[in-house]
All heavy atoms as atom14 arrays in JSON, in Angstrom:
{
  "sequence": "INLEIKKGQSIGIIGASGSGKTTLVDLILGLLKPKK",
  "atom14_mask": [
    [1, 1, 1, 1, 1, 1, 1, 1, 0, 0, 0, 0, 0, 0],
    [1, 1, 1, 1, 1, 1, 1, 1, 0, 0, 0, 0, 0, 0],
    [1, 1, 1, 1, 1, 1, 1, 1, 0, 0, 0, 0, 0, 0],
    [1, 1, 1, 1, 1, 1, 1, 1, 1, 0, 0, 0, 0, 0],
    [1, 1, 1, 1, 1, 1, 1, 1, 0, 0, 0, 0, 0, 0],
    [1, 1, 1, 1, 1, 1, 1, 1, 1, 0, 0, 0, 0, 0],
    [1, 1, 1, 1, 1, 1, 1, 1, 1, 0, 0, 0, 0, 0],
    [1, 1, 1, 1, 0, 0, 0, 0, 0, 0, 0, 0, 0, 0],
    [1, 1, 1, 1, 1, 1, 1, 1, 1, 0, 0, 0, 0, 0],
    [1, 1, 1, 1, 1, 1, 0, 0, 0, 0, 0, 0, 0, 0],
    [1, 1, 1, 1, 1, 1, 1, 1, 0, 0, 0, 0, 0, 0],
    [1, 1, 1, 1, 0, 0, 0, 0, 0, 0, 0, 0, 0, 0],
    [1, 1, 1, 1, 1, 1, 1, 1, 0, 0, 0, 0, 0, 0],
    [1, 1, 1, 1, 1, 1, 1, 1, 0, 0, 0, 0, 0, 0],
    [1, 1, 1, 1, 0, 0, 0, 0, 0, 0, 0, 0, 0, 0],
    [1, 1, 1, 1, 1, 0, 0, 0, 0, 0, 0, 0, 0, 0],
    [1, 1, 1, 1, 1, 1, 0, 0, 0, 0, 0, 0, 0, 0],
    [1, 1, 1, 1, 0, 0, 0, 0, 0, 0, 0, 0, 0, 0],
    [1, 1, 1, 1, 1, 1, 0, 0, 0, 0, 0, 0, 0, 0],
    [1, 1, 1, 1, 0, 0, 0, 0, 0, 0, 0, 0, 0, 0],
    [1, 1, 1, 1, 1, 1, 1, 1, 1, 0, 0, 0, 0, 0],
    [1, 1, 1, 1, 1, 1, 1, 0, 0, 0, 0, 0, 0, 0],
    [1, 1, 1, 1, 1, 1, 1, 0, 0, 0, 0, 0, 0, 0],
    [1, 1, 1, 1, 1, 1, 1, 1, 0, 0, 0, 0, 0, 0],
    [1, 1, 1, 1, 1, 1, 1, 0, 0, 0, 0, 0, 0, 0],
    [1, 1, 1, 1, 1, 1, 1, 1, 0, 0, 0, 0, 0, 0],
    [1, 1, 1, 1, 1, 1, 1, 1, 0, 0, 0, 0, 0, 0],
    [1, 1, 1, 1, 1, 1, 1, 1, 0, 0, 0, 0, 0, 0],
    [1, 1, 1, 1, 1, 1, 1, 1, 0, 0, 0, 0, 0, 0],
    [1, 1, 1, 1, 0, 0, 0, 0, 0, 0, 0, 0, 0, 0],
    [1, 1, 1, 1, 1, 1, 1, 1, 0, 0, 0, 0, 0, 0],
    [1, 1, 1, 1, 1, 1, 1, 1, 0, 0, 0, 0, 0, 0],
    [1, 1, 1, 1, 1, 1, 1, 1, 1, 0, 0, 0, 0, 0],
    [1, 1, 1, 1, 1, 1, 1, 0, 0, 0, 0, 0, 0, 0],
    [1, 1, 1, 1, 1, 1, 1, 1, 1, 0, 0, 0, 0, 0],
    [1, 1, 1, 1, 1, 1, 1, 1, 1, 0, 0, 0, 0, 0]
  ],
  "atom14_positions": [
    [[70.12, 102.35, 111.3], [71.13, 103.2, 110.65], [71.39, 104.38, 111.44], [70.47, 105.15, 111.88], [70.6, 103.65, 109.27], [70.3, 102.47, 108.22], [71.61, 104.57, 108.66], [71.53, 101.63, 107.96], [0.0, 0.0, 0.0], [0.0, 0.0, 0.0], [0.0, 0.0, 0.0], [0.0, 0.0, 0.0], [0.0, 0.0, 0.0], [0.0, 0.0, 0.0]],
    [[72.61, 104.61, 111.74], [73.05, 105.81, 112.54], [74.04, 106.55, 111.63], [75.0, 105.92, 111.21], [73.68, 105.36, 113.85], [72.58, 104.84, 114.8], [71.69, 105.49, 115.24], [72.83, 103.5, 115.1], [0.0, 0.0, 0.0], [0.0, 0.0, 0.0], [0.0, 0.0, 0.0], [0.0, 0.0, 0.0], [0.0, 0.0, 0.0], [0.0, 0.0, 0.0]],
    [[73.85, 107.78, 111.45], [74.75, 108.53, 110.54], [74.54, 110.02, 110.94], [73.56, 110.53, 111.22], [74.26, 108.27, 109.08], [74.82, 109.03, 108.03], [76.22, 108.86, 107.83], [74.04, 109.02, 106.72], [0.0, 0.0, 0.0], [0.0, 0.0, 0.0], [0.0, 0.0, 0.0], [0.0, 0.0, 0.0], [0.0, 0.0, 0.0], [0.0, 0.0, 0.0]],
    [[75.7, 110.72, 110.94], [75.76, 112.11, 111.07], [76.59, 112.73, 110.02], [77.76, 112.39, 109.87], [76.2, 112.52, 112.46], [76.17, 114.04, 112.73], [76.3, 114.4, 114.11], [76.91, 113.59, 114.9], [75.87, 115.6, 114.5], [0.0, 0.0, 0.0], [0.0, 0.0, 0.0], [0.0, 0.0, 0.0], [0.0, 0.0, 0.0], [0.0, 0.0, 0.0]],
    [[76.0, 113.78, 109.32], [76.82, 114.49, 108.37], [76.83, 115.97, 108.81], [75.78, 116.52, 109.05], [76.03, 114.46, 106.98], [75.83, 113.12, 106.54], [76.86, 115.36, 106.0], [74.91, 112.94, 105.32], [0.0, 0.0, 0.0], [0.0, 0.0, 0.0], [0.0, 0.0, 0.0], [0.0, 0.0, 0.0], [0.0, 0.0, 0.0], [0.0, 0.0, 0.0]],
    [[78.01, 116.37, 109.12], [78.25, 117.81, 109.62], [78.65, 118.67, 108.57], [79.06, 118.28, 107.54], [79.37, 117.57, 110.65], [78.98, 116.9, 111.99], [80.02, 116.93, 112.96], [79.78, 116.04, 114.16], [80.78, 115.97, 115.18], [0.0, 0.0, 0.0], [0.0, 0.0, 0.0], [0.0, 0.0, 0.0], [0.0, 0.0, 0.0], [0.0, 0.0, 0.0]],
    [[78.47, 119.98, 108.91], [78.82, 121.03, 108.01], [80.23, 120.87, 107.35], [81.18, 120.49, 108.06], [78.7, 122.45, 108.72], [79.08, 123.56, 107.85], [79.05, 124.81, 108.79], [79.5, 126.03, 107.84], [79.38, 127.22, 108.65], [0.0, 0.0, 0.0], [0.0, 0.0, 0.0], [0.0, 0.0, 0.0], [0.0, 0.0, 0.0], [0.0, 0.0, 0.0]],
    [[80.28, 120.89, 106.03], [81.45, 120.77, 105.36], [81.97, 119.44, 105.02], [82.93, 119.2, 104.24], [0.0, 0.0, 0.0], [0.0, 0.0, 0.0], [0.0, 0.0, 0.0], [0.0, 0.0, 0.0], [0.0, 0.0, 0.0], [0.0, 0.0, 0.0], [0.0, 0.0, 0.0], [0.0, 0.0, 0.0], [0.0, 0.0, 0.0], [0.0, 0.0, 0.0]],
    [[81.26, 118.41, 105.55], [81.61, 117.07, 105.19], [80.99, 116.59, 103.9], [79.93, 117.01, 103.45], [81.1, 116.05, 106.29], [81.9, 116.07, 107.59], [81.42, 115.01, 108.45], [80.19, 114.84, 108.59], [82.31, 114.3, 109.3], [0.0, 0.0, 0.0], [0.0, 0.0, 0.0], [0.0, 0.0, 0.0], [0.0, 0.0, 0.0], [0.0, 0.0, 0.0]],
    [[81.65, 115.74, 103.26], [81.16, 115.04, 102.0], [81.19, 113.57, 102.34], [82.13, 113.07, 103.05], [81.98, 115.18, 100.84], [82.01, 116.66, 100.44], [0.0, 0.0, 0.0], [0.0, 0.0, 0.0], [0.0, 0.0, 0.0], [0.0, 0.0, 0.0], [0.0, 0.0, 0.0], [0.0, 0.0, 0.0], [0.0, 0.0, 0.0], [0.0, 0.0, 0.0]],
    [[80.16, 112.78, 101.91], [80.16, 111.38, 102.12], [79.96, 110.7, 100.8], [79.37, 111.29, 99.82], [79.11, 110.94, 103.17], [77.65, 111.25, 102.65], [79.28, 111.7, 104.48], [76.62, 110.54, 103.37], [0.0, 0.0, 0.0], [0.0, 0.0, 0.0], [0.0, 0.0, 0.0], [0.0, 0.0, 0.0], [0.0, 0.0, 0.0], [0.0, 0.0, 0.0]],
    [[80.18, 109.39, 100.76], [79.9, 108.53, 99.67], [79.01, 107.44, 100.28], [79.27, 106.96, 101.44], [0.0, 0.0, 0.0], [0.0, 0.0, 0.0], [0.0, 0.0, 0.0], [0.0, 0.0, 0.0], [0.0, 0.0, 0.0], [0.0, 0.0, 0.0], [0.0, 0.0, 0.0], [0.0, 0.0, 0.0], [0.0, 0.0, 0.0], [0.0, 0.0, 0.0]],
    [[78.11, 106.86, 99.54], [77.27, 105.8, 99.94], [77.62, 104.7, 98.9], [77.29, 104.79, 97.78], [75.86, 106.19, 100.02], [75.51, 107.25, 100.98], [74.9, 105.05, 100.34], [74.16, 107.99, 100.89], [0.0, 0.0, 0.0], [0.0, 0.0, 0.0], [0.0, 0.0, 0.0], [0.0, 0.0, 0.0], [0.0, 0.0, 0.0], [0.0, 0.0, 0.0]],
    [[78.25, 103.58, 99.42], [78.6, 102.59, 98.54], [77.99, 101.29, 99.08], [77.65, 101.12, 100.23], [80.13, 102.42, 98.36], [80.76, 102.11, 99.75], [80.68, 103.66, 97.78], [82.24, 101.89, 99.65], [0.0, 0.0, 0.0], [0.0, 0.0, 0.0], [0.0, 0.0, 0.0], [0.0, 0.0, 0.0], [0.0, 0.0, 0.0], [0.0, 0.0, 0.0]],
    [[77.9, 100.26, 98.18], [77.34, 98.91, 98.66], [76.91, 98.12, 97.39], [76.83, 98.69, 96.31], [0.0, 0.0, 0.0], [0.0, 0.0, 0.0], [0.0, 0.0, 0.0], [0.0, 0.0, 0.0], [0.0, 0.0, 0.0], [0.0, 0.0, 0.0], [0.0, 0.0, 0.0], [0.0, 0.0, 0.0], [0.0, 0.0, 0.0], [0.0, 0.0, 0.0]],
    [[76.58, 96.9, 97.58], [76.18, 96.07, 96.61], [74.81, 96.47, 96.06], [74.05, 97.13, 96.73], [76.26, 94.58, 97.06], [0.0, 0.0, 0.0], [0.0, 0.0, 0.0], [0.0, 0.0, 0.0], [0.0, 0.0, 0.0], [0.0, 0.0, 0.0], [0.0, 0.0, 0.0], [0.0, 0.0, 0.0], [0.0, 0.0, 0.0], [0.0, 0.0, 0.0]],
    [[74.53, 95.96, 94.95], [73.21, 96.22, 94.34], [72.18, 95.62, 95.31], [72.32, 94.43, 95.78], [73.07, 95.51, 92.98], [71.69, 95.7, 92.44], [0.0, 0.0, 0.0], [0.0, 0.0, 0.0], [0.0, 0.0, 0.0], [0.0, 0.0, 0.0], [0.0, 0.0, 0.0], [0.0, 0.0, 0.0], [0.0, 0.0, 0.0], [0.0, 0.0, 0.0]],
    [[71.09, 96.38, 95.69], [69.99, 95.89, 96.51], [70.34, 96.06, 98.04], [69.62, 95.55, 98.86], [0.0, 0.0, 0.0], [0.0, 0.0, 0.0], [0.0, 0.0, 0.0], [0.0, 0.0, 0.0], [0.0, 0.0, 0.0], [0.0, 0.0, 0.0], [0.0, 0.0, 0.0], [0.0, 0.0, 0.0], [0.0, 0.0, 0.0], [0.0, 0.0, 0.0]],
    [[71.44, 96.69, 98.33], [71.83, 96.9, 99.7], [71.15, 98.03, 100.51], [71.44, 98.19, 101.6], [73.43, 97.06, 99.88], [73.83, 98.17, 99.2], [0.0, 0.0, 0.0], [0.0, 0.0, 0.0], [0.0, 0.0, 0.0], [0.0, 0.0, 0.0], [0.0, 0.0, 0.0], [0.0, 0.0, 0.0], [0.0, 0.0, 0.0], [0.0, 0.0, 0.0]],
    [[70.38, 98.9, 99.74], [69.65, 99.92, 100.35], [70.19, 101.32, 100.17], [69.77, 102.19, 100.78], [0.0, 0.0, 0.0], [0.0, 0.0, 0.0], [0.0, 0.0, 0.0], [0.0, 0.0, 0.0], [0.0, 0.0, 0.0], [0.0, 0.0, 0.0], [0.0, 0.0, 0.0], [0.0, 0.0, 0.0], [0.0, 0.0, 0.0], [0.0, 0.0, 0.0]],
    [[71.17, 101.5, 99.23], [71.65, 102.85, 98.88], [70.65, 103.87, 98.58], [70.66, 104.93, 99.1], [72.82, 102.81, 97.94], [73.98, 101.94, 98.23], [74.98, 101.76, 97.15], [74.45, 101.32, 95.83], [74.14, 99.88, 95.73], [0.0, 0.0, 0.0], [0.0, 0.0, 0.0], [0.0, 0.0, 0.0], [0.0, 0.0, 0.0], [0.0, 0.0, 0.0]],
    [[69.98, 103.48, 97.61], [68.86, 104.36, 97.03], [67.77, 104.59, 98.11], [67.25, 105.83, 98.34], [68.24, 103.82, 95.75], [69.24, 103.69, 94.77], [67.17, 104.79, 95.22], [0.0, 0.0, 0.0], [0.0, 0.0, 0.0], [0.0, 0.0, 0.0], [0.0, 0.0, 0.0], [0.0, 0.0, 0.0], [0.0, 0.0, 0.0], [0.0, 0.0, 0.0]],
    [[67.43, 103.61, 98.86], [66.38, 103.78, 100.02], [67.01, 104.73, 101.01], [66.27, 105.67, 101.52], [66.17, 102.38, 100.62], [65.66, 101.57, 99.63], [65.12, 102.5, 101.84], [0.0, 0.0, 0.0], [0.0, 0.0, 0.0], [0.0, 0.0, 0.0], [0.0, 0.0, 0.0], [0.0, 0.0, 0.0], [0.0, 0.0, 0.0], [0.0, 0.0, 0.0]],
    [[68.21, 104.63, 101.3], [68.88, 105.58, 102.29], [68.84, 107.0, 101.81], [68.37, 107.92, 102.52], [70.39, 105.1, 102.55], [71.1, 106.04, 103.53], [70.38, 106.11, 104.89], [72.52, 105.55, 103.75], [0.0, 0.0, 0.0], [0.0, 0.0, 0.0], [0.0, 0.0, 0.0], [0.0, 0.0, 0.0], [0.0, 0.0, 0.0], [0.0, 0.0, 0.0]],
    [[69.22, 107.18, 100.54], [69.07, 108.58, 99.92], [67.72, 109.14, 99.92], [67.41, 110.25, 100.21], [69.73, 108.5, 98.53], [69.49, 109.82, 97.79], [71.2, 108.34, 98.64], [0.0, 0.0, 0.0], [0.0, 0.0, 0.0], [0.0, 0.0, 0.0], [0.0, 0.0, 0.0], [0.0, 0.0, 0.0], [0.0, 0.0, 0.0], [0.0, 0.0, 0.0]],
    [[66.76, 108.2, 99.61], [65.36, 108.62, 99.59], [64.84, 109.09, 101.05], [64.13, 109.98, 101.19], [64.44, 107.59, 98.99], [64.61, 107.43, 97.4], [65.25, 108.32, 96.74], [64.08, 106.39, 96.94], [0.0, 0.0, 0.0], [0.0, 0.0, 0.0], [0.0, 0.0, 0.0], [0.0, 0.0, 0.0], [0.0, 0.0, 0.0], [0.0, 0.0, 0.0]],
    [[65.33, 108.36, 102.02], [65.03, 108.8, 103.4], [65.65, 110.16, 103.74], [64.92, 110.94, 104.3], [65.51, 107.72, 104.31], [64.72, 106.44, 104.44], [65.52, 105.3, 105.08], [63.36, 106.57, 105.2], [0.0, 0.0, 0.0], [0.0, 0.0, 0.0], [0.0, 0.0, 0.0], [0.0, 0.0, 0.0], [0.0, 0.0, 0.0], [0.0, 0.0, 0.0]],
    [[66.98, 110.31, 103.4], [67.56, 111.53, 103.59], [66.9, 112.73, 102.85], [66.8, 113.82, 103.56], [69.06, 111.42, 103.19], [69.85, 110.55, 104.23], [69.74, 112.81, 103.1], [71.22, 110.16, 103.78], [0.0, 0.0, 0.0], [0.0, 0.0, 0.0], [0.0, 0.0, 0.0], [0.0, 0.0, 0.0], [0.0, 0.0, 0.0], [0.0, 0.0, 0.0]],
    [[66.5, 112.43, 101.67], [65.74, 113.49, 100.88], [64.42, 113.75, 101.43], [63.72, 114.85, 101.19], [65.66, 113.06, 99.43], [66.89, 113.1, 98.64], [66.8, 112.52, 97.28], [67.55, 114.53, 98.56], [0.0, 0.0, 0.0], [0.0, 0.0, 0.0], [0.0, 0.0, 0.0], [0.0, 0.0, 0.0], [0.0, 0.0, 0.0], [0.0, 0.0, 0.0]],
    [[63.77, 112.92, 102.36], [62.58, 113.0, 102.84], [61.46, 112.45, 101.88], [60.3, 112.78, 102.08], [0.0, 0.0, 0.0], [0.0, 0.0, 0.0], [0.0, 0.0, 0.0], [0.0, 0.0, 0.0], [0.0, 0.0, 0.0], [0.0, 0.0, 0.0], [0.0, 0.0, 0.0], [0.0, 0.0, 0.0], [0.0, 0.0, 0.0], [0.0, 0.0, 0.0]],
    [[61.87, 111.71, 101.0], [60.9, 111.12, 99.91], [60.21, 109.86, 100.64], [59.14, 109.54, 100.29], [61.53, 110.69, 98.65], [62.22, 111.87, 97.92], [62.97, 111.39, 96.73], [61.21, 112.93, 97.5], [0.0, 0.0, 0.0], [0.0, 0.0, 0.0], [0.0, 0.0, 0.0], [0.0, 0.0, 0.0], [0.0, 0.0, 0.0], [0.0, 0.0, 0.0]],
    [[60.91, 109.24, 101.61], [60.39, 108.11, 102.23], [60.49, 108.48, 103.79], [61.26, 109.32, 104.22], [61.26, 106.85, 102.1], [61.3, 106.28, 100.68], [62.24, 105.18, 100.61], [59.93, 105.78, 100.21], [0.0, 0.0, 0.0], [0.0, 0.0, 0.0], [0.0, 0.0, 0.0], [0.0, 0.0, 0.0], [0.0, 0.0, 0.0], [0.0, 0.0, 0.0]],
    [[59.6, 107.84, 104.51], [59.58, 108.19, 105.97], [60.02, 106.84, 106.66], [59.54, 105.74, 106.23], [58.18, 108.5, 106.51], [57.69, 109.82, 105.97], [56.21, 110.02, 106.45], [55.62, 111.3, 105.86], [54.33, 111.52, 106.27], [0.0, 0.0, 0.0], [0.0, 0.0, 0.0], [0.0, 0.0, 0.0], [0.0, 0.0, 0.0], [0.0, 0.0, 0.0]],
    [[60.91, 106.95, 107.72], [61.38, 105.74, 108.41], [60.21, 105.15, 109.18], [59.31, 105.79, 109.56], [62.46, 106.3, 109.32], [62.3, 107.74, 109.49], [61.51, 108.19, 108.18], [0.0, 0.0, 0.0], [0.0, 0.0, 0.0], [0.0, 0.0, 0.0], [0.0, 0.0, 0.0], [0.0, 0.0, 0.0], [0.0, 0.0, 0.0], [0.0, 0.0, 0.0]],
    [[60.23, 103.79, 109.19], [59.24, 103.05, 110.04], [59.55, 103.24, 111.48], [58.73, 103.19, 112.31], [59.18, 101.54, 109.61], [58.88, 101.27, 108.18], [57.58, 101.85, 107.84], [57.29, 101.68, 106.38], [56.08, 102.37, 105.83], [0.0, 0.0, 0.0], [0.0, 0.0, 0.0], [0.0, 0.0, 0.0], [0.0, 0.0, 0.0], [0.0, 0.0, 0.0]],
    [[60.76, 103.37, 111.85], [61.33, 103.56, 113.19], [62.58, 104.43, 113.13], [63.23, 104.43, 112.16], [61.64, 102.22, 113.93], [60.43, 101.33, 114.12], [60.75, 100.19, 115.0], [59.47, 99.44, 115.07], [59.62, 98.19, 115.97], [0.0, 0.0, 0.0], [0.0, 0.0, 0.0], [0.0, 0.0, 0.0], [0.0, 0.0, 0.0], [0.0, 0.0, 0.0]]
  ]
}
């Protein structure tokens, strides 16, 4: 996953159920740590 959010940007995270949206948000929040 490669992603950059710059000042002033808004993003939406969309995808099918089970596609990793919540996992991605949890990584961004620092609740989970990436394996790599």
